[in-house]
Amino acid sequence: EHSTEHIYNEIAYPLVEGVVEGYNGTIFAYGQTGSGKSFTMQGVVDPSSQKGIIPRAFEHLFESIQCAENAKFLLRASYLEIYNEDVRDLLGADTKQKLE
């Protein structure tokens, strides 16, 4: 019953703040097929209130990096899908390719 914005602010925001400070962070969505994991993570562009966790985290990260002074950042992100014991990189060039 909560909005993606509420979920982001309560759960992901502190995690992303830690990432900006140099810690590793993982957001893991688990549940039954059709339960809304992909929608919660990706969302939709319009209306902006339904942006997912991933776009919100990227905005947060890039705004923090832009505001930082005297710091260098290396940002590495992965978006993995595990389904029927197959692992796929959803940010890779071929999202159908299985990873070992």
Protein backbone atom coordinates (compact mmCIF):
# COMPACT_ATOMS: atom_id res chain seq x y z
CA GLU A 1 0.00 0.00 0.00
CA HIS A 2 3.05 2.31 0.08
CA SER A 3 4.31 4.40 -2.81
CA THR A 4 7.67 3.73 -4.43
CA GLU A 5 8.80 7.12 -3.13
CA HIS A 6 7.98 6.06 0.45
CA ILE A 7 9.79 2.75 0.01
CA TYR A 8 12.81 4.54 -1.45
CA ASN A 9 12.95 7.10 1.35
CA GLU A 10 12.60 4.51 4.11
CA ILE A 11 14.81 1.73 2.77
CA ALA A 12 16.99 2.72 -0.18
CA TYR A 13 17.87 6.33 0.67
CA PRO A 14 20.04 5.42 3.69
CA LEU A 15 21.70 2.67 1.65
CA VAL A 16 22.55 5.07 -1.19
CA GLU A 17 23.90 7.59 1.33
CA GLY A 18 26.24 4.85 2.55
CA VAL A 19 27.31 4.12 -1.02
CA VAL A 20 28.19 7.80 -1.50
CA GLU A 21 30.37 7.49 1.62
CA GLY A 22 32.24 4.56 0.06
CA TYR A 23 30.39 1.47 1.25
CA ASN A 24 29.03 -1.23 -1.05
CA GLY A 25 25.26 -1.45 -1.27
CA THR A 26 22.75 -3.99 -2.54
CA ILE A 27 19.03 -3.78 -3.02
CA PHE A 28 17.54 -7.23 -3.37
CA ALA A 29 13.94 -7.78 -4.47
CA TYR A 30 12.53 -11.22 -3.79
CA GLY A 31 9.06 -12.62 -4.24
CA GLN A 32 6.62 -14.59 -6.32
CA THR A 33 6.26 -14.06 -10.05
CA GLY A 34 3.81 -11.24 -10.65
CA SER A 35 4.17 -9.72 -7.20
CA GLY A 36 5.51 -6.36 -8.46
CA LYS A 37 9.28 -6.66 -8.02
CA SER A 38 10.15 -5.34 -11.49
CA PHE A 39 7.66 -2.50 -11.26
CA THR A 40 8.97 -1.49 -7.84
CA MET A 41 12.56 -1.55 -9.09
CA GLN A 42 11.98 0.05 -12.54
CA GLY A 43 8.70 1.93 -12.27
CA VAL A 44 7.46 4.13 -15.09
CA VAL A 45 8.66 7.52 -16.32
CA ASP A 46 5.28 9.25 -16.23
CA PRO A 47 3.93 10.11 -13.72
CA SER A 48 7.20 10.80 -11.93
CA SER A 49 5.63 9.68 -8.64
CA GLN A 50 5.83 6.12 -10.02
CA LYS A 51 9.56 6.14 -10.76
CA GLY A 52 11.14 2.97 -9.46
CA ILE A 53 13.88 2.41 -6.93
CA ILE A 54 16.61 2.20 -9.60
CA PRO A 55 15.94 5.57 -11.30
CA ARG A 56 15.59 7.22 -7.88
CA ALA A 57 18.88 5.72 -6.71
CA PHE A 58 20.69 6.82 -9.88
CA GLU A 59 19.36 10.38 -9.52
CA HIS A 60 20.44 10.41 -5.89
CA LEU A 61 23.91 9.09 -6.72
CA PHE A 62 24.57 11.46 -9.60
CA GLU A 63 23.32 14.49 -7.65
CA SER A 64 25.58 13.55 -4.73
CA ILE A 65 28.56 13.07 -7.06
CA GLN A 66 27.89 16.40 -8.76
CA CYS A 67 27.81 18.22 -5.41
CA ALA A 68 30.92 16.54 -3.99
CA GLU A 69 34.13 18.52 -3.82
CA ASN A 70 37.66 17.12 -3.77
CA ALA A 71 36.47 13.57 -4.35
CA LYS A 72 36.65 11.03 -7.14
CA PHE A 73 34.00 8.39 -7.70
CA LEU A 74 33.90 5.09 -9.52
CA LEU A 75 30.34 3.97 -9.99
CA ARG A 76 29.62 0.38 -10.94
CA ALA A 77 26.10 -1.00 -11.11
CA SER A 78 24.59 -4.35 -12.01
CA TYR A 79 21.00 -5.41 -12.41
CA LEU A 80 20.74 -9.19 -12.22
CA GLU A 81 17.76 -11.43 -12.70
CA ILE A 82 17.73 -14.92 -11.19
CA TYR A 83 14.90 -17.00 -12.61
CA ASN A 84 14.66 -20.80 -12.72
CA GLU A 85 18.28 -20.98 -11.57
CA ASP A 86 19.42 -18.92 -14.59
CA VAL A 87 21.24 -15.63 -13.98
CA ARG A 88 21.05 -12.79 -16.50
CA ASP A 89 22.56 -9.30 -16.48
CA LEU A 90 19.70 -6.96 -17.38
CA LEU A 91 22.14 -4.09 -18.04
CA GLY A 92 24.31 -6.17 -20.38
CA ALA A 93 24.38 -5.95 -24.17
CA ASP A 94 22.50 -9.25 -24.50
CA THR A 95 19.91 -9.57 -21.71
CA LYS A 96 19.02 -13.10 -22.90
CA GLN A 97 22.58 -14.41 -22.34
CA LYS A 98 22.92 -16.56 -19.23
CA LEU A 99 25.79 -15.87 -16.85
CA GLU A 100 27.84 -18.63 -15.27
